[in-house]
C-alpha atoms as a PDB file:
ATOM      1  CA  MET A   1      58.093  93.189 -91.235  1.00  0.00           C
ATOM      2  CA  VAL A   2      61.690  92.308 -90.052  1.00  0.00           C
ATOM      3  CA  LYS A   3      64.406  92.773 -92.023  1.00  0.00           C
ATOM      4  CA  LEU A   4      67.224  90.412 -91.996  1.00  0.00           C
ATOM      5  CA  SER A   5      70.901  91.124 -91.782  1.00  0.00           C
ATOM      6  CA  MET A   6      73.087  90.446 -94.719  1.00  0.00           C
ATOM      7  CA  THR A   7      75.060  88.114 -92.948  1.00  0.00           C
ATOM      8  CA  LEU A   8      72.201  85.786 -91.973  1.00  0.00           C
ATOM      9  CA  ARG A   9      70.666  86.179 -95.654  1.00  0.00           C
ATOM     10  CA  LEU A  10      73.978  84.918 -96.995  1.00  0.00           C
ATOM     11  CA  THR A  11      74.068  82.164 -94.402  1.00  0.00           C
ATOM     12  CA  ILE A  12      70.754  81.264 -95.390  1.00  0.00           C
ATOM     13  CA  SER A  13      71.866  81.085 -99.483  1.00  0.00           C
ATOM     14  CA  PHE A  14      74.714  79.065 -98.820  1.00  0.00           C
ATOM     15  CA  ILE A  15      72.897  76.793 -96.686  1.00  0.00           C
ATOM     16  CA  ALA A  16      70.237  76.289 -99.548  1.00  0.00           C
ATOM     17  CA  ILE A  17      72.745  75.976-102.098  1.00  0.00           C
ATOM     18  CA  LEU A  18      74.684  73.367 -99.816  1.00  0.00           C
ATOM     19  CA  ILE A  19      71.395  70.950 -99.176  1.00  0.00           C
ATOM     20  CA  LEU A  20      70.563  71.359-103.171  1.00  0.00           C
ATOM     21  CA  ALA A  21      74.337  70.466-103.979  1.00  0.00           C
ATOM     22  CA  CYS A  22      74.557  67.269-101.716  1.00  0.00           C
ATOM     23  CA  THR A  23      71.319  66.318-102.736  1.00  0.00           C
ATOM     24  CA  GLY A  24      72.296  66.053-106.162  1.00  0.00           C
ATOM     25  CA  ILE A  25      75.217  64.195-105.760  1.00  0.00           C
ATOM     26  CA  SER A  26      73.696  61.829-103.479  1.00  0.00           C
ATOM     27  CA  TRP A  27      71.270  61.075-105.642  1.00  0.00           C
ATOM     28  CA  THR A  28      73.626  61.030-108.586  1.00  0.00           C
ATOM     29  CA  LEU A  29      76.045  58.281-106.552  1.00  0.00           C
ATOM     30  CA  TYR A  30      72.476  56.276-105.540  1.00  0.00           C
ATOM     31  CA  ASN A  31      71.597  55.646-109.067  1.00  0.00           C
ATOM     32  CA  ALA A  32      74.993  55.161-110.336  1.00  0.00           C
ATOM     33  CA  LEU A  33      75.252  52.268-107.354  1.00  0.00           C
ATOM     34  CA  SER A  34      71.920  50.953-107.904  1.00  0.00           C
ATOM     35  CA  LYS A  35      72.649  50.423-111.935  1.00  0.00           C
ATOM     36  CA  GLU A  36      75.954  48.911-111.450  1.00  0.00           C
ATOM     37  CA  LEU A  37      74.773  46.273-108.780  1.00  0.00           C
ATOM     38  CA  THR A  38      71.806  45.429-110.952  1.00  0.00           C
ATOM     39  CA  TYR A  39      73.749  44.634-113.759  1.00  0.00           C
ATOM     40  CA  ARG A  40      76.439  42.481-111.237  1.00  0.00           C
ATOM     41  CA  ASP A  41      73.391  40.621-110.281  1.00  0.00           C
ATOM     42  CA  ASP A  42      71.685  39.901-114.225  1.00  0.00           C
ATOM     43  CA  MET A  43      75.510  38.497-115.009  1.00  0.00           C
ATOM     44  CA  THR A  44      75.895  36.854-111.975  1.00  0.00           C
ATOM     45  CA  LEU A  45      71.924  35.242-112.796  1.00  0.00           C
ATOM     46  CA  ILE A  46      72.985  34.254-116.480  1.00  0.00           C
ATOM     47  CA  ASN A  47      76.308  33.055-115.854  1.00  0.00           C
ATOM     48  CA  ARG A  48      74.610  30.629-113.378  1.00  0.00           C
ATOM     49  CA  ALA A  49      72.009  29.601-115.561  1.00  0.00           C
ATOM     50  CA  ALA A  50      74.905  28.743-118.300  1.00  0.00           C
ATOM     51  CA  GLN A  51      76.694  26.752-115.631  1.00  0.00           C
ATOM     52  CA  MET A  52      73.530  24.782-115.109  1.00  0.00           C
ATOM     53  CA  GLN A  53      72.868  24.182-118.440  1.00  0.00           C
ATOM     54  CA  GLN A  54      76.226  23.171-119.330  1.00  0.00           C
ATOM     55  CA  LEU A  55      75.906  20.661-116.341  1.00  0.00           C
ATOM     56  CA  LEU A  56      72.966  19.374-117.510  1.00  0.00           C
ATOM     57  CA  LEU A  57      74.414  19.191-121.305  1.00  0.00           C
ATOM     58  CA  ASP A  58      77.322  17.207-119.653  1.00  0.00           C
ATOM     59  CA  GLY A  59      75.045  14.692-117.890  1.00  0.00           C
ATOM     60  CA  ALA A  60      74.653  15.668-114.645  1.00  0.00           C
ATOM     61  CA  ARG A  61      71.469  14.113-113.199  1.00  0.00           C
ATOM     62  CA  PRO A  62      68.428  16.832-112.612  1.00  0.00           C
ATOM     63  CA  GLU A  63      68.176  15.622-109.069  1.00  0.00           C
ATOM     64  CA  ASN A  64      71.840  17.003-108.043  1.00  0.00           C
ATOM     65  CA  LEU A  65      70.842  20.359-109.647  1.00  0.00           C
ATOM     66  CA  PRO A  66      70.442  22.094-106.039  1.00  0.00           C
ATOM     67  CA  LEU A  67      74.002  20.537-104.881  1.00  0.00           C
ATOM     68  CA  TYR A  68      75.258  21.951-107.370  1.00  0.00           C
ATOM     69  CA  PHE A  69      73.820  25.586-107.272  1.00  0.00           C
ATOM     70  CA  ASN A  70      74.371  25.645-103.848  1.00  0.00           C
ATOM     71  CA  ARG A  71      78.170  25.107-104.313  1.00  0.00           C
ATOM     72  CA  MET A  72      78.181  27.966-106.962  1.00  0.00           C
ATOM     73  CA  VAL A  73      76.498  30.158-104.390  1.00  0.00           C
ATOM     74  CA  ASP A  74      78.648  29.696-101.453  1.00  0.00           C
ATOM     75  CA  THR A  75      81.716  30.454-103.562  1.00  0.00           C
END
């Protein structure tokens, strides 16, 4: 059995710790971004549905709703 030098063992240990730290940070950032994007998408859909409802309550014709929706998406 070959005995590894102290420098090589420390280098391997450092690389392993670095990989674990980078993986943990990346996973945390990915989850935070995923939750934030999901929340923003949900809020956007809720607001657009509320706007459509208000348009209908204000007397907009249902056949014109796709036009209004396209204008909402473009902005």
